[in-house]
Amino acid sequence: MATQLRVVSRLTAAAVSQEIVALWSRSDPDDRIDGFVVAVGAKWALIALTLDGGYFDGHELVRIKNVRKVRHNRSFESRFSRTLPEWPPAPPATPEPIDLNSTRRMLRTAVPAGALIGIECEHRPGMRNIGVVVDTTSQRIVLQEVDPHAAWIEGTRRWRIRRLVTVTLDDGYQRALAELAGERPVESAQVSPEAD
């Protein structure tokens, strides 16, 4: 519990300092997320992702209990980010504020209708599934996914909400996939078996 309190304290301090931080995950020790902490809630933190050099690249919602370590990036990148037109880092534009205290409410308030998102689950480290949210129930999120070749996969897949550790919004990879994949085919509404 002390480690978790330290993580929350560091995330909160990073949101105030507006310095780039690196976050490491419990489920995938090699996974590192770099960016500015925009907001911290009871369950989730919102990160404005950065690329090498300090360029902005979408947002990532990170389940706080899955964060193992938070460290400040001491390079020039935070200073450079301040020169970009996207400064200061802000939450994505949504109709209502993103709720970081509940996973279901976070999904409802953060995910734009029809937009590609990326999800990662705790038992599948390093495996990001990208698609459009078709439905959200009390226990599951249902995605129609896009494959790495920017083609829509027939049918949908269900994922347990409690196993989500990250949700990625509007990064460069997703924007490229969306551009090539085009609109989601509506006739692909059949639900495939449990993905997790």
N, C-alpha and C. Protein backbone atom coordinates (compact mmCIF):
# COMPACT_ATOMS: atom_id res chain seq x y z
N MET A 1 0.82 -1.20 0.00
CA MET A 1 0.00 0.00 0.00
C MET A 1 0.85 1.25 0.00
N ALA A 2 2.01 1.21 0.69
CA ALA A 2 2.90 2.37 0.74
C ALA A 2 3.40 2.71 -0.65
N THR A 3 3.69 1.68 -1.46
CA THR A 3 4.14 1.92 -2.82
C THR A 3 3.05 2.60 -3.63
N GLN A 4 1.80 2.16 -3.47
CA GLN A 4 0.69 2.75 -4.20
C GLN A 4 0.48 4.21 -3.81
N LEU A 5 0.61 4.50 -2.53
CA LEU A 5 0.49 5.89 -2.07
C LEU A 5 1.61 6.75 -2.66
N ARG A 6 2.81 6.18 -2.75
CA ARG A 6 3.94 6.91 -3.34
C ARG A 6 3.68 7.19 -4.83
N VAL A 7 3.11 6.19 -5.54
CA VAL A 7 2.78 6.38 -6.96
C VAL A 7 1.77 7.50 -7.12
N VAL A 8 0.70 7.49 -6.33
CA VAL A 8 -0.33 8.54 -6.41
C VAL A 8 0.28 9.89 -6.09
N SER A 9 1.13 9.95 -5.07
CA SER A 9 1.78 11.21 -4.69
C SER A 9 2.65 11.74 -5.84
N ARG A 10 3.40 10.86 -6.47
CA ARG A 10 4.26 11.29 -7.59
C ARG A 10 3.46 11.70 -8.82
N LEU A 11 2.38 10.99 -9.09
CA LEU A 11 1.52 11.37 -10.22
C LEU A 11 0.91 12.74 -9.97
N THR A 12 0.43 12.97 -8.76
CA THR A 12 -0.18 14.26 -8.41
C THR A 12 0.85 15.38 -8.49
N ALA A 13 2.05 15.15 -7.99
CA ALA A 13 3.11 16.16 -8.06
C ALA A 13 3.48 16.45 -9.51
N ALA A 14 3.50 15.41 -10.35
CA ALA A 14 3.83 15.60 -11.77
C ALA A 14 2.76 16.42 -12.48
N ALA A 15 1.50 16.26 -12.10
CA ALA A 15 0.42 17.06 -12.69
C ALA A 15 0.61 18.54 -12.37
N VAL A 16 1.10 18.83 -11.17
CA VAL A 16 1.33 20.21 -10.75
C VAL A 16 2.56 20.79 -11.42
N SER A 17 3.65 20.01 -11.47
CA SER A 17 4.92 20.52 -12.00
C SER A 17 4.94 20.66 -13.51
N GLN A 18 4.06 19.95 -14.20
CA GLN A 18 4.02 19.94 -15.66
C GLN A 18 5.39 19.63 -16.27
N GLU A 19 5.99 18.58 -15.76
CA GLU A 19 7.24 18.03 -16.30
C GLU A 19 6.94 16.64 -16.84
N ILE A 20 7.64 16.25 -17.90
CA ILE A 20 7.46 14.91 -18.46
C ILE A 20 7.91 13.88 -17.43
N VAL A 21 7.10 12.83 -17.29
CA VAL A 21 7.47 11.71 -16.44
C VAL A 21 7.46 10.43 -17.26
N ALA A 22 8.17 9.44 -16.75
CA ALA A 22 8.13 8.08 -17.30
C ALA A 22 7.41 7.22 -16.28
N LEU A 23 6.48 6.39 -16.77
CA LEU A 23 5.74 5.46 -15.91
C LEU A 23 6.05 4.04 -16.37
N TRP A 24 6.27 3.16 -15.40
CA TRP A 24 6.46 1.74 -15.70
C TRP A 24 5.30 0.95 -15.12
N SER A 25 4.90 -0.08 -15.84
CA SER A 25 3.72 -0.85 -15.45
C SER A 25 4.09 -2.10 -14.66
N ARG A 26 3.17 -2.54 -13.82
CA ARG A 26 3.33 -3.79 -13.07
C ARG A 26 3.15 -4.99 -13.98
N SER A 27 2.17 -4.92 -14.90
CA SER A 27 1.85 -6.07 -15.74
C SER A 27 2.89 -6.31 -16.82
N ASP A 28 3.63 -5.27 -17.22
CA ASP A 28 4.67 -5.42 -18.24
C ASP A 28 5.85 -4.54 -17.83
N PRO A 29 6.82 -5.11 -17.10
CA PRO A 29 7.94 -4.31 -16.59
C PRO A 29 8.75 -3.59 -17.66
N ASP A 30 8.69 -4.06 -18.91
CA ASP A 30 9.43 -3.40 -19.99
C ASP A 30 8.66 -2.25 -20.61
N ASP A 31 7.37 -2.15 -20.29
CA ASP A 31 6.52 -1.11 -20.88
C ASP A 31 6.75 0.21 -20.16
N ARG A 32 7.08 1.23 -20.92
CA ARG A 32 7.31 2.57 -20.37
C ARG A 32 6.44 3.55 -21.12
N ILE A 33 5.76 4.41 -20.36
CA ILE A 33 4.92 5.45 -20.93
C ILE A 33 5.53 6.79 -20.57
N ASP A 34 5.75 7.65 -21.56
CA ASP A 34 6.30 8.99 -21.32
C ASP A 34 5.24 10.03 -21.63
N GLY A 35 5.15 11.03 -20.76
CA GLY A 35 4.21 12.12 -21.02
C GLY A 35 3.98 12.99 -19.81
N PHE A 36 3.06 13.91 -19.98
CA PHE A 36 2.67 14.84 -18.92
C PHE A 36 1.43 14.30 -18.22
N VAL A 37 1.44 14.31 -16.89
CA VAL A 37 0.24 13.91 -16.15
C VAL A 37 -0.73 15.09 -16.20
N VAL A 38 -1.90 14.86 -16.77
CA VAL A 38 -2.91 15.90 -16.92
C VAL A 38 -3.87 15.90 -15.74
N ALA A 39 -4.24 14.70 -15.27
CA ALA A 39 -5.18 14.59 -14.16
C ALA A 39 -5.02 13.24 -13.48
N VAL A 40 -5.37 13.21 -12.20
CA VAL A 40 -5.28 11.97 -11.41
C VAL A 40 -6.61 11.80 -10.68
N GLY A 41 -7.18 10.60 -10.79
CA GLY A 41 -8.42 10.28 -10.08
C GLY A 41 -8.18 9.15 -9.10
N ALA A 42 -9.25 8.57 -8.59
CA ALA A 42 -9.14 7.48 -7.63
C ALA A 42 -8.62 6.19 -8.28
N LYS A 43 -8.98 5.96 -9.56
CA LYS A 43 -8.58 4.72 -10.22
C LYS A 43 -7.67 4.92 -11.44
N TRP A 44 -7.80 6.06 -12.10
CA TRP A 44 -7.12 6.28 -13.37
C TRP A 44 -6.36 7.60 -13.36
N ALA A 45 -5.27 7.64 -14.15
CA ALA A 45 -4.54 8.88 -14.40
C ALA A 45 -4.58 9.15 -15.90
N LEU A 46 -4.70 10.41 -16.28
CA LEU A 46 -4.73 10.81 -17.68
C LEU A 46 -3.37 11.40 -18.03
N ILE A 47 -2.73 10.82 -19.04
CA ILE A 47 -1.39 11.22 -19.46
C ILE A 47 -1.47 11.78 -20.88
N ALA A 48 -0.87 12.97 -21.10
CA ALA A 48 -0.68 13.49 -22.46
C ALA A 48 0.62 12.88 -22.95
N LEU A 49 0.53 11.92 -23.86
CA LEU A 49 1.70 11.18 -24.32
C LEU A 49 2.67 12.07 -25.08
N THR A 50 3.96 11.74 -24.94
CA THR A 50 4.98 12.44 -25.71
C THR A 50 5.87 11.42 -26.42
N LEU A 51 6.38 11.85 -27.56
CA LEU A 51 7.34 11.07 -28.33
C LEU A 51 8.74 11.55 -27.98
N ASP A 52 9.75 10.90 -28.54
CA ASP A 52 11.12 11.40 -28.37
C ASP A 52 11.18 12.85 -28.81
N GLY A 53 11.85 13.65 -28.05
CA GLY A 53 11.97 15.07 -28.36
C GLY A 53 10.95 15.92 -27.62
N GLY A 54 9.88 15.31 -27.10
CA GLY A 54 8.87 16.06 -26.38
C GLY A 54 7.64 16.41 -27.19
N TYR A 55 7.51 15.83 -28.39
CA TYR A 55 6.34 16.07 -29.22
C TYR A 55 5.12 15.35 -28.64
N PHE A 56 3.96 16.00 -28.67
CA PHE A 56 2.74 15.41 -28.14
C PHE A 56 2.20 14.34 -29.09
N ASP A 57 1.58 13.28 -28.51
CA ASP A 57 1.07 12.18 -29.33
C ASP A 57 -0.13 11.51 -28.68
N GLY A 58 -1.23 12.21 -28.56
CA GLY A 58 -2.45 11.62 -28.02
C GLY A 58 -2.44 11.54 -26.51
N HIS A 59 -3.33 10.71 -25.98
CA HIS A 59 -3.50 10.55 -24.52
C HIS A 59 -3.55 9.08 -24.15
N GLU A 60 -3.17 8.82 -22.92
CA GLU A 60 -3.32 7.46 -22.39
C GLU A 60 -3.91 7.54 -21.00
N LEU A 61 -4.92 6.73 -20.78
CA LEU A 61 -5.50 6.58 -19.45
C LEU A 61 -4.83 5.35 -18.84
N VAL A 62 -4.27 5.52 -17.66
CA VAL A 62 -3.49 4.46 -17.02
C VAL A 62 -4.14 4.10 -15.69
N ARG A 63 -4.41 2.81 -15.50
CA ARG A 63 -4.96 2.37 -14.22
C ARG A 63 -3.87 2.53 -13.16
N ILE A 64 -4.15 3.32 -12.14
CA ILE A 64 -3.14 3.68 -11.14
C ILE A 64 -2.57 2.45 -10.44
N LYS A 65 -3.39 1.47 -10.12
CA LYS A 65 -2.88 0.30 -9.40
C LYS A 65 -1.90 -0.51 -10.25
N ASN A 66 -1.86 -0.26 -11.55
CA ASN A 66 -0.93 -0.97 -12.43
C ASN A 66 0.39 -0.21 -12.61
N VAL A 67 0.49 0.99 -12.07
CA VAL A 67 1.73 1.77 -12.20
C VAL A 67 2.70 1.31 -11.12
N ARG A 68 3.88 0.89 -11.55
CA ARG A 68 4.91 0.39 -10.63
C ARG A 68 5.85 1.49 -10.19
N LYS A 69 6.17 2.40 -11.11
CA LYS A 69 7.18 3.41 -10.82
C LYS A 69 6.91 4.66 -11.65
N VAL A 70 7.19 5.83 -11.06
CA VAL A 70 7.06 7.13 -11.74
C VAL A 70 8.37 7.87 -11.55
N ARG A 71 8.97 8.32 -12.64
CA ARG A 71 10.23 9.08 -12.57
C ARG A 71 10.15 10.29 -13.47
N HIS A 72 10.73 11.40 -13.02
CA HIS A 72 10.80 12.60 -13.86
C HIS A 72 11.81 12.41 -14.96
N ASN A 73 11.50 12.93 -16.13
CA ASN A 73 12.42 12.96 -17.26
C ASN A 73 13.23 14.24 -17.12
N ARG A 74 14.50 14.12 -16.91
CA ARG A 74 15.35 15.29 -16.64
C ARG A 74 15.96 15.88 -17.91
N SER A 75 15.54 15.42 -19.08
CA SER A 75 16.11 15.93 -20.33
C SER A 75 15.49 17.27 -20.73
N PHE A 76 15.85 17.73 -21.90
CA PHE A 76 15.34 18.99 -22.45
C PHE A 76 13.90 18.90 -22.92
N GLU A 77 13.33 17.69 -22.99
CA GLU A 77 12.05 17.49 -23.66
C GLU A 77 10.89 18.27 -23.04
N SER A 78 10.87 18.38 -21.71
CA SER A 78 9.80 19.17 -21.08
C SER A 78 9.87 20.63 -21.52
N ARG A 79 11.09 21.16 -21.59
CA ARG A 79 11.25 22.56 -22.03
C ARG A 79 10.81 22.72 -23.48
N PHE A 80 11.19 21.76 -24.33
CA PHE A 80 10.82 21.86 -25.74
C PHE A 80 9.30 21.78 -25.91
N SER A 81 8.64 20.91 -25.15
CA SER A 81 7.18 20.78 -25.25
C SER A 81 6.48 22.11 -25.04
N ARG A 82 7.05 22.95 -24.19
CA ARG A 82 6.45 24.26 -23.90
C ARG A 82 6.47 25.20 -25.11
N THR A 83 7.27 24.89 -26.12
CA THR A 83 7.34 25.72 -27.32
C THR A 83 6.32 25.29 -28.39
N LEU A 84 5.66 24.17 -28.18
CA LEU A 84 4.74 23.63 -29.18
C LEU A 84 3.35 24.25 -29.07
N PRO A 85 2.61 24.30 -30.17
CA PRO A 85 1.27 24.90 -30.15
C PRO A 85 0.29 24.13 -29.25
N GLU A 86 0.57 22.86 -28.96
CA GLU A 86 -0.32 22.05 -28.12
C GLU A 86 -0.15 22.37 -26.63
N TRP A 87 0.84 23.20 -26.28
CA TRP A 87 1.09 23.53 -24.87
C TRP A 87 -0.02 24.44 -24.37
N PRO A 88 -0.48 24.34 -23.16
CA PRO A 88 -0.13 23.31 -22.17
C PRO A 88 -0.91 22.02 -22.41
N PRO A 89 -0.41 20.89 -21.89
CA PRO A 89 -1.13 19.63 -22.08
C PRO A 89 -2.52 19.71 -21.45
N ALA A 90 -3.49 19.24 -22.17
CA ALA A 90 -4.88 19.34 -21.70
C ALA A 90 -5.58 18.00 -21.95
N PRO A 91 -6.69 17.79 -21.29
CA PRO A 91 -7.47 16.57 -21.58
C PRO A 91 -8.00 16.63 -23.01
N PRO A 92 -8.33 15.47 -23.58
CA PRO A 92 -8.95 15.51 -24.90
C PRO A 92 -10.30 16.23 -24.83
N ALA A 93 -10.71 16.80 -25.93
CA ALA A 93 -12.00 17.48 -25.99
C ALA A 93 -13.11 16.45 -25.89
N THR A 94 -13.91 16.54 -24.84
CA THR A 94 -15.02 15.62 -24.63
C THR A 94 -16.24 16.43 -24.20
N PRO A 95 -17.45 15.90 -24.42
CA PRO A 95 -18.65 16.65 -24.04
C PRO A 95 -18.74 16.94 -22.55
N GLU A 96 -18.20 16.05 -21.72
CA GLU A 96 -18.18 16.29 -20.28
C GLU A 96 -16.80 15.90 -19.75
N PRO A 97 -16.44 16.36 -18.56
CA PRO A 97 -15.12 16.03 -18.02
C PRO A 97 -14.93 14.51 -17.89
N ILE A 98 -13.70 14.06 -18.10
CA ILE A 98 -13.40 12.63 -17.99
C ILE A 98 -13.42 12.23 -16.52
N ASP A 99 -14.18 11.18 -16.22
CA ASP A 99 -14.29 10.67 -14.85
C ASP A 99 -13.19 9.64 -14.62
N LEU A 100 -12.23 9.96 -13.77
CA LEU A 100 -11.10 9.08 -13.50
C LEU A 100 -11.29 8.25 -12.23
N ASN A 101 -12.49 8.28 -11.68
CA ASN A 101 -12.77 7.57 -10.43
C ASN A 101 -13.47 6.23 -10.62
N SER A 102 -13.94 5.95 -11.81
CA SER A 102 -14.65 4.71 -12.12
C SER A 102 -14.29 4.29 -13.53
N THR A 103 -14.02 3.01 -13.73
CA THR A 103 -13.64 2.54 -15.07
C THR A 103 -14.79 2.69 -16.06
N ARG A 104 -15.97 2.27 -15.67
CA ARG A 104 -17.11 2.40 -16.60
C ARG A 104 -17.37 3.86 -16.96
N ARG A 105 -17.36 4.73 -15.96
CA ARG A 105 -17.61 6.16 -16.24
C ARG A 105 -16.45 6.76 -17.05
N MET A 106 -15.24 6.29 -16.79
CA MET A 106 -14.10 6.77 -17.58
C MET A 106 -14.31 6.42 -19.05
N LEU A 107 -14.70 5.18 -19.32
CA LEU A 107 -14.93 4.77 -20.70
C LEU A 107 -16.05 5.59 -21.34
N ARG A 108 -17.12 5.84 -20.58
CA ARG A 108 -18.25 6.61 -21.11
C ARG A 108 -17.87 8.06 -21.40
N THR A 109 -17.06 8.66 -20.53
CA THR A 109 -16.76 10.09 -20.68
C THR A 109 -15.51 10.37 -21.52
N ALA A 110 -14.61 9.40 -21.66
CA ALA A 110 -13.34 9.66 -22.36
C ALA A 110 -13.34 9.23 -23.82
N VAL A 111 -14.14 8.24 -24.15
CA VAL A 111 -14.05 7.63 -25.48
C VAL A 111 -15.05 8.25 -26.43
N PRO A 112 -14.56 8.96 -27.47
CA PRO A 112 -15.48 9.56 -28.44
C PRO A 112 -16.18 8.48 -29.27
N ALA A 113 -17.45 8.66 -29.53
CA ALA A 113 -18.21 7.70 -30.33
C ALA A 113 -17.58 7.56 -31.71
N GLY A 114 -17.37 6.31 -32.11
CA GLY A 114 -16.85 6.03 -33.44
C GLY A 114 -15.35 6.19 -33.61
N ALA A 115 -14.64 6.61 -32.57
CA ALA A 115 -13.19 6.80 -32.68
C ALA A 115 -12.44 5.53 -32.29
N LEU A 116 -11.31 5.30 -32.94
CA LEU A 116 -10.47 4.17 -32.56
C LEU A 116 -9.83 4.44 -31.21
N ILE A 117 -9.79 3.42 -30.37
CA ILE A 117 -9.07 3.48 -29.11
C ILE A 117 -8.18 2.24 -29.03
N GLY A 118 -7.18 2.29 -28.17
CA GLY A 118 -6.36 1.11 -27.91
C GLY A 118 -6.57 0.69 -26.47
N ILE A 119 -6.70 -0.61 -26.23
CA ILE A 119 -6.82 -1.09 -24.86
C ILE A 119 -5.75 -2.14 -24.62
N GLU A 120 -5.29 -2.20 -23.38
CA GLU A 120 -4.37 -3.24 -22.97
C GLU A 120 -4.90 -3.83 -21.67
N CYS A 121 -4.86 -5.16 -21.57
CA CYS A 121 -5.35 -5.85 -20.37
C CYS A 121 -4.19 -6.41 -19.58
N GLU A 122 -4.38 -6.55 -18.27
CA GLU A 122 -3.30 -6.94 -17.37
C GLU A 122 -2.71 -8.30 -17.67
N HIS A 123 -3.49 -9.24 -18.15
CA HIS A 123 -2.98 -10.58 -18.40
C HIS A 123 -2.41 -10.75 -19.82
N ARG A 124 -2.41 -9.68 -20.60
CA ARG A 124 -1.86 -9.71 -21.96
C ARG A 124 -0.89 -8.54 -22.14
N PRO A 125 0.19 -8.51 -21.34
CA PRO A 125 1.10 -7.37 -21.40
C PRO A 125 1.71 -7.19 -22.79
N GLY A 126 1.81 -5.93 -23.19
CA GLY A 126 2.40 -5.61 -24.48
C GLY A 126 1.47 -5.83 -25.66
N MET A 127 0.28 -6.33 -25.42
CA MET A 127 -0.68 -6.61 -26.50
C MET A 127 -1.76 -5.54 -26.47
N ARG A 128 -1.73 -4.65 -27.44
CA ARG A 128 -2.74 -3.59 -27.51
C ARG A 128 -3.74 -3.94 -28.60
N ASN A 129 -5.01 -3.94 -28.23
CA ASN A 129 -6.08 -4.18 -29.19
C ASN A 129 -6.70 -2.83 -29.53
N ILE A 130 -6.85 -2.58 -30.83
CA ILE A 130 -7.33 -1.28 -31.29
C ILE A 130 -8.64 -1.47 -32.03
N GLY A 131 -9.62 -0.66 -31.67
CA GLY A 131 -10.91 -0.75 -32.32
C GLY A 131 -11.85 0.35 -31.86
N VAL A 132 -13.09 0.21 -32.29
CA VAL A 132 -14.16 1.14 -31.94
C VAL A 132 -15.03 0.48 -30.88
N VAL A 133 -15.39 1.23 -29.85
CA VAL A 133 -16.28 0.69 -28.82
C VAL A 133 -17.68 0.55 -29.42
N VAL A 134 -18.19 -0.68 -29.38
CA VAL A 134 -19.52 -0.98 -29.88
C VAL A 134 -20.52 -0.98 -28.73
N ASP A 135 -20.07 -1.42 -27.54
CA ASP A 135 -20.95 -1.48 -26.39
C ASP A 135 -20.09 -1.54 -25.13
N THR A 136 -20.66 -1.05 -24.03
CA THR A 136 -20.04 -1.17 -22.72
C THR A 136 -21.11 -1.62 -21.76
N THR A 137 -20.85 -2.73 -21.07
CA THR A 137 -21.78 -3.23 -20.07
C THR A 137 -21.16 -3.00 -18.70
N SER A 138 -21.80 -3.50 -17.68
CA SER A 138 -21.26 -3.31 -16.33
C SER A 138 -19.94 -4.05 -16.15
N GLN A 139 -19.70 -5.08 -16.95
CA GLN A 139 -18.48 -5.86 -16.78
C GLN A 139 -17.60 -5.96 -18.01
N ARG A 140 -18.09 -5.55 -19.15
CA ARG A 140 -17.34 -5.76 -20.38
C ARG A 140 -17.34 -4.53 -21.29
N ILE A 141 -16.29 -4.46 -22.09
CA ILE A 141 -16.24 -3.50 -23.18
C ILE A 141 -16.20 -4.34 -24.46
N VAL A 142 -16.99 -3.95 -25.45
CA VAL A 142 -17.07 -4.68 -26.71
C VAL A 142 -16.47 -3.81 -27.80
N LEU A 143 -15.47 -4.36 -28.50
CA LEU A 143 -14.79 -3.62 -29.57
C LEU A 143 -14.98 -4.30 -30.91
N GLN A 144 -15.11 -3.51 -31.95
CA GLN A 144 -14.91 -3.98 -33.32
C GLN A 144 -13.49 -3.53 -33.64
N GLU A 145 -12.61 -4.48 -33.89
CA GLU A 145 -11.19 -4.18 -33.98
C GLU A 145 -10.69 -4.00 -35.40
N VAL A 146 -9.57 -3.31 -35.49
CA VAL A 146 -8.84 -3.10 -36.73
C VAL A 146 -7.52 -3.85 -36.60
N ASP A 147 -7.13 -4.58 -37.64
CA ASP A 147 -5.87 -5.33 -37.56
C ASP A 147 -4.68 -4.43 -37.93
N PRO A 148 -3.46 -4.91 -37.77
CA PRO A 148 -2.27 -4.09 -38.06
C PRO A 148 -2.13 -3.67 -39.53
N HIS A 149 -2.95 -4.25 -40.41
CA HIS A 149 -2.93 -3.87 -41.82
C HIS A 149 -4.03 -2.86 -42.14
N ALA A 150 -4.65 -2.30 -41.11
CA ALA A 150 -5.71 -1.29 -41.23
C ALA A 150 -6.97 -1.85 -41.89
N ALA A 151 -7.25 -3.12 -41.62
CA ALA A 151 -8.48 -3.75 -42.12
C ALA A 151 -9.37 -4.09 -40.93
N TRP A 152 -10.67 -3.87 -41.09
CA TRP A 152 -11.61 -4.19 -40.02
C TRP A 152 -11.71 -5.70 -39.86
N ILE A 153 -11.69 -6.17 -38.63
CA ILE A 153 -11.85 -7.58 -38.33
C ILE A 153 -13.34 -7.86 -38.20
N GLU A 154 -13.80 -8.94 -38.83
CA GLU A 154 -15.22 -9.26 -38.78
C GLU A 154 -15.62 -9.66 -37.35
N GLY A 155 -16.79 -9.22 -36.94
CA GLY A 155 -17.28 -9.53 -35.60
C GLY A 155 -16.71 -8.58 -34.57
N THR A 156 -17.04 -8.84 -33.33
CA THR A 156 -16.57 -8.01 -32.22
C THR A 156 -15.93 -8.90 -31.16
N ARG A 157 -15.18 -8.29 -30.26
CA ARG A 157 -14.56 -9.02 -29.14
C ARG A 157 -14.92 -8.32 -27.85
N ARG A 158 -15.12 -9.13 -26.81
CA ARG A 158 -15.46 -8.60 -25.49
C ARG A 158 -14.25 -8.71 -24.58
N TRP A 159 -14.06 -7.66 -23.78
CA TRP A 159 -12.95 -7.61 -22.82
C TRP A 159 -13.51 -7.25 -21.46
N ARG A 160 -12.97 -7.86 -20.42
CA ARG A 160 -13.42 -7.54 -19.06
C ARG A 160 -12.87 -6.18 -18.65
N ILE A 161 -13.77 -5.32 -18.21
CA ILE A 161 -13.40 -3.96 -17.82
C ILE A 161 -12.41 -3.96 -16.66
N ARG A 162 -12.58 -4.85 -15.72
CA ARG A 162 -11.69 -4.85 -14.54
C ARG A 162 -10.25 -5.24 -14.89
N ARG A 163 -10.04 -5.80 -16.07
CA ARG A 163 -8.69 -6.18 -16.48
C ARG A 163 -7.98 -5.13 -17.32
N LEU A 164 -8.68 -4.06 -17.67
CA LEU A 164 -8.05 -2.99 -18.45
C LEU A 164 -6.95 -2.32 -17.62
N VAL A 165 -5.80 -2.08 -18.25
CA VAL A 165 -4.73 -1.33 -17.55
C VAL A 165 -4.39 -0.03 -18.27
N THR A 166 -4.63 0.03 -19.59
CA THR A 166 -4.45 1.30 -20.31
C THR A 166 -5.53 1.43 -21.38
N VAL A 167 -5.87 2.68 -21.66
CA VAL A 167 -6.75 3.03 -22.78
C VAL A 167 -6.07 4.17 -23.50
N THR A 168 -5.74 3.96 -24.77
CA THR A 168 -5.02 4.97 -25.55
C THR A 168 -6.00 5.68 -26.48
N LEU A 169 -5.89 7.01 -26.52
CA LEU A 169 -6.78 7.84 -27.33
C LEU A 169 -5.97 8.68 -28.31
N ASP A 170 -6.29 8.56 -29.58
CA ASP A 170 -5.83 9.50 -30.61
C ASP A 170 -4.31 9.63 -30.72
N ASP A 171 -3.57 8.51 -30.62
CA ASP A 171 -2.13 8.62 -30.87
C ASP A 171 -1.88 8.50 -32.38
N GLY A 172 -0.67 8.74 -32.80
CA GLY A 172 -0.34 8.74 -34.22
C GLY A 172 -0.63 7.42 -34.92
N TYR A 173 -0.35 6.33 -34.24
CA TYR A 173 -0.60 5.00 -34.82
C TYR A 173 -2.10 4.81 -35.07
N GLN A 174 -2.92 5.17 -34.09
CA GLN A 174 -4.37 5.03 -34.25
C GLN A 174 -4.90 5.97 -35.33
N ARG A 175 -4.37 7.17 -35.42
CA ARG A 175 -4.81 8.09 -36.48
C ARG A 175 -4.49 7.52 -37.85
N ALA A 176 -3.31 6.90 -38.01
CA ALA A 176 -2.93 6.30 -39.30
C ALA A 176 -3.85 5.12 -39.63
N LEU A 177 -4.10 4.26 -38.64
CA LEU A 177 -5.02 3.14 -38.87
C LEU A 177 -6.40 3.63 -39.28
N ALA A 178 -6.91 4.64 -38.56
CA ALA A 178 -8.24 5.17 -38.85
C ALA A 178 -8.32 5.73 -40.26
N GLU A 179 -7.28 6.42 -40.67
CA GLU A 179 -7.26 7.01 -42.01
C GLU A 179 -7.36 5.93 -43.09
N LEU A 180 -6.63 4.83 -42.92
CA LEU A 180 -6.62 3.78 -43.93
C LEU A 180 -7.81 2.82 -43.81
N ALA A 181 -8.27 2.56 -42.60
CA ALA A 181 -9.36 1.60 -42.40
C ALA A 181 -10.70 2.16 -42.84
N GLY A 182 -10.88 3.45 -42.75
CA GLY A 182 -12.17 4.05 -43.11
C GLY A 182 -13.24 3.77 -42.07
N GLU A 183 -14.49 3.98 -42.46
CA GLU A 183 -15.61 3.81 -41.53
C GLU A 183 -15.78 2.34 -41.15
N ARG A 184 -16.25 2.12 -39.94
CA ARG A 184 -16.51 0.77 -39.44
C ARG A 184 -17.68 0.16 -40.19
N PRO A 185 -17.51 -1.07 -40.70
CA PRO A 185 -18.64 -1.73 -41.37
C PRO A 185 -19.71 -2.12 -40.35
N VAL A 186 -20.90 -1.59 -40.50
CA VAL A 186 -21.98 -1.79 -39.53
C VAL A 186 -22.48 -3.23 -39.53
N GLU A 187 -22.41 -3.94 -40.66
CA GLU A 187 -22.93 -5.30 -40.72
C GLU A 187 -22.11 -6.29 -39.90
N SER A 188 -20.97 -5.89 -39.39
CA SER A 188 -20.12 -6.79 -38.61
C SER A 188 -20.48 -6.75 -37.14
N ALA A 189 -21.70 -6.97 -36.80
CA ALA A 189 -22.14 -6.79 -35.41
C ALA A 189 -22.14 -8.06 -34.58
N GLN A 190 -21.77 -9.22 -35.17
CA GLN A 190 -21.78 -10.45 -34.37
C GLN A 190 -20.71 -10.38 -33.29
N VAL A 191 -21.02 -10.95 -32.14
CA VAL A 191 -20.10 -10.93 -31.02
C VAL A 191 -19.31 -12.23 -31.00
N SER A 192 -17.98 -12.12 -30.98
CA SER A 192 -17.12 -13.29 -30.89
C SER A 192 -17.04 -13.72 -29.43
N PRO A 193 -16.52 -14.92 -29.19
CA PRO A 193 -16.38 -15.37 -27.81
C PRO A 193 -15.48 -14.42 -27.00
N GLU A 194 -15.49 -14.64 -25.68
CA GLU A 194 -14.66 -13.84 -24.78
C GLU A 194 -13.24 -13.74 -25.31
N ALA A 195 -12.69 -12.53 -25.30
CA ALA A 195 -11.30 -12.34 -25.71
C ALA A 195 -10.37 -12.53 -24.53
N ASP A 196 -10.85 -12.30 -23.34
CA ASP A 196 -9.99 -12.44 -22.18
C ASP A 196 -10.49 -13.56 -21.35
